[in-house]
Amino acid sequence: MATSYVKQSYSGTNSPVAFTSDGTSAGTPIRYAYVAVENLDASATIYVSTITTSPASGTDYTVAIPPGKKLTIANELPYWTQASNVIQKGSVSGGTPGTPAEIQPNGYSLYGQKTSPGTVVYLNINSGTGGWSVEGTG
């Protein structure tokens, strides 16, 4: 299925779901430390991951969500912060990079060194599943 791009939350049946600043594929990736996923189906378990593109029962980095339940899961992608990829002040000739304490909007590190990997939620859902919702929580 095609990726669904959202700002903060999504309900439906498409998987995966990618969080971006404007809810489109052109938006800046948004990284959430946790996501809340609710299984809206009355009988089928769904499998969720933020790192494995094909989550399934018994596989690493996969969480099973029983019918009618809502779970908050951690974003399993490697830790990323804005300051972790900064060029130190004075290390670039002809330019003056910012200090490591500066904060840039929209998930980019200082001086554009590395963009946030954002958060993508992959779901393994059976056809006919009654749907689910996913929400970035922190």
Protein backbone atom coordinates (compact mmCIF):
# COMPACT_ATOMS: atom_id res chain seq x y z
CA MET A 1 0.00 0.00 0.00
CA ALA A 2 1.01 3.62 -0.43
CA THR A 3 2.45 5.56 2.49
CA SER A 4 0.04 7.85 4.31
CA TYR A 5 1.60 11.17 5.36
CA VAL A 6 0.19 12.86 8.46
CA LYS A 7 0.99 15.65 10.90
CA GLN A 8 0.02 14.03 14.18
CA SER A 9 -2.61 11.32 13.84
CA TYR A 10 -4.28 9.03 11.33
CA SER A 11 -7.15 6.57 11.30
CA GLY A 12 -7.67 4.18 8.45
CA THR A 13 -6.30 1.12 6.76
CA ASN A 14 -3.22 2.28 4.80
CA SER A 15 0.24 1.33 5.99
CA PRO A 16 2.86 2.67 6.53
CA VAL A 17 2.19 6.04 8.15
CA ALA A 18 4.91 8.72 8.03
CA PHE A 19 4.76 11.86 10.16
CA THR A 20 5.72 15.11 8.38
CA SER A 21 5.43 18.83 9.11
CA ASP A 22 2.64 19.44 6.60
CA GLY A 23 1.13 15.98 6.17
CA THR A 24 2.56 15.52 2.66
CA SER A 25 5.52 13.62 1.21
CA ALA A 26 7.29 16.98 0.70
CA GLY A 27 7.05 17.89 4.39
CA THR A 28 9.92 17.78 6.86
CA PRO A 29 9.99 14.48 8.80
CA ILE A 30 8.72 14.75 12.37
CA ARG A 31 10.28 12.50 14.99
CA TYR A 32 8.13 11.27 17.86
CA ALA A 33 9.72 9.34 20.72
CA TYR A 34 6.49 7.36 21.14
CA VAL A 35 3.40 6.55 19.11
CA ALA A 36 0.03 5.37 20.35
CA VAL A 37 -1.60 2.76 18.14
CA GLU A 38 -5.18 1.61 18.62
CA ASN A 39 -6.61 -1.53 17.03
CA LEU A 40 -10.21 -0.71 16.09
CA ASP A 41 -11.00 -4.24 14.91
CA ALA A 42 -13.22 -6.48 17.01
CA SER A 43 -11.43 -9.77 16.28
CA ALA A 44 -8.06 -9.45 14.50
CA THR A 45 -4.67 -8.73 16.08
CA ILE A 46 -2.47 -6.24 14.23
CA TYR A 47 1.33 -6.12 14.33
CA VAL A 48 3.18 -2.80 14.54
CA SER A 49 6.79 -1.63 14.22
CA THR A 50 8.66 1.63 13.80
CA ILE A 51 11.76 -0.07 12.40
CA THR A 52 10.71 -3.30 10.66
CA THR A 53 8.91 -2.74 7.37
CA SER A 54 7.15 -6.12 7.62
CA PRO A 55 6.08 -6.61 11.23
CA ALA A 56 4.79 -10.09 12.03
CA SER A 57 4.10 -12.30 15.00
CA GLY A 58 7.31 -13.36 16.73
CA THR A 59 9.66 -11.04 14.83
CA ASP A 60 12.09 -8.58 16.41
CA TYR A 61 10.90 -5.00 16.97
CA THR A 62 7.27 -5.99 16.47
CA VAL A 63 4.43 -5.30 18.92
CA ALA A 64 1.14 -7.20 18.78
CA ILE A 65 -1.96 -5.14 19.49
CA PRO A 66 -5.01 -7.23 20.39
CA PRO A 67 -8.49 -6.34 19.10
CA GLY A 68 -9.97 -3.25 20.71
CA LYS A 69 -6.75 -2.28 22.55
CA LYS A 70 -4.53 0.81 22.41
CA LEU A 71 -0.80 0.64 23.15
CA THR A 72 1.94 3.26 23.30
CA ILE A 73 5.17 2.03 21.75
CA ALA A 74 8.64 3.56 21.52
CA ASN A 75 10.13 4.75 18.25
CA GLU A 76 12.87 2.13 17.73
CA LEU A 77 14.89 4.13 15.19
CA PRO A 78 18.35 5.20 16.39
CA TYR A 79 18.32 8.22 18.70
CA TRP A 80 18.63 11.56 16.93
CA THR A 81 18.90 15.12 18.26
CA GLN A 82 19.43 18.42 16.55
CA ALA A 83 22.73 19.05 18.34
CA SER A 84 24.24 15.62 17.62
CA ASN A 85 25.22 16.43 14.05
CA VAL A 86 26.53 19.99 14.37
CA ILE A 87 29.72 21.26 12.80
CA GLN A 88 31.63 22.87 15.64
CA LYS A 89 32.08 26.65 15.49
CA GLY A 90 35.22 27.65 13.60
CA SER A 91 35.72 24.24 11.95
CA VAL A 92 34.53 25.40 8.51
CA SER A 93 36.52 27.96 6.56
CA GLY A 94 34.50 30.74 5.00
CA GLY A 95 31.50 30.16 7.23
CA THR A 96 30.42 30.56 10.81
CA PRO A 97 28.29 27.63 11.92
CA GLY A 98 25.98 28.13 14.85
CA THR A 99 26.75 26.93 18.33
CA PRO A 100 25.65 23.42 19.34
CA ALA A 101 23.02 24.87 21.69
CA GLU A 102 21.04 26.56 18.90
CA ILE A 103 17.70 25.08 17.94
CA GLN A 104 16.51 25.01 14.36
CA PRO A 105 12.87 24.54 13.33
CA ASN A 106 11.37 21.65 11.41
CA GLY A 107 13.66 18.86 12.55
CA TYR A 108 16.92 19.90 10.87
CA SER A 109 20.25 19.94 12.65
CA LEU A 110 22.32 23.09 12.62
CA TYR A 111 23.75 24.15 9.28
CA GLY A 112 21.70 21.44 7.58
CA GLN A 113 24.05 18.59 8.46
CA LYS A 114 21.51 15.80 8.86
CA THR A 115 17.75 15.79 8.70
CA SER A 116 15.68 14.03 11.32
CA PRO A 117 14.79 10.49 10.29
CA GLY A 118 11.25 11.21 11.43
CA THR A 119 8.83 8.53 12.55
CA VAL A 120 7.27 5.92 10.29
CA VAL A 121 4.84 3.34 11.65
CA TYR A 122 4.51 0.04 9.80
CA LEU A 123 1.45 -2.10 10.37
CA ASN A 124 0.71 -5.68 9.38
CA ILE A 125 -3.03 -5.79 8.95
CA ASN A 126 -5.18 -8.52 7.47
CA SER A 127 -7.60 -7.65 4.72
CA GLY A 128 -10.97 -6.91 6.22
CA THR A 129 -9.46 -5.58 9.44
CA GLY A 130 -11.76 -2.95 10.90
CA GLY A 131 -9.10 -0.28 10.95
CA TRP A 132 -6.73 1.35 13.40
CA SER A 133 -5.50 4.73 14.53
CA VAL A 134 -1.96 5.96 15.13
CA GLU A 135 -0.91 9.13 16.94
CA GLY A 136 2.45 10.75 17.67
CA THR A 137 2.67 11.23 21.42
CA GLY A 138 5.98 12.72 22.39
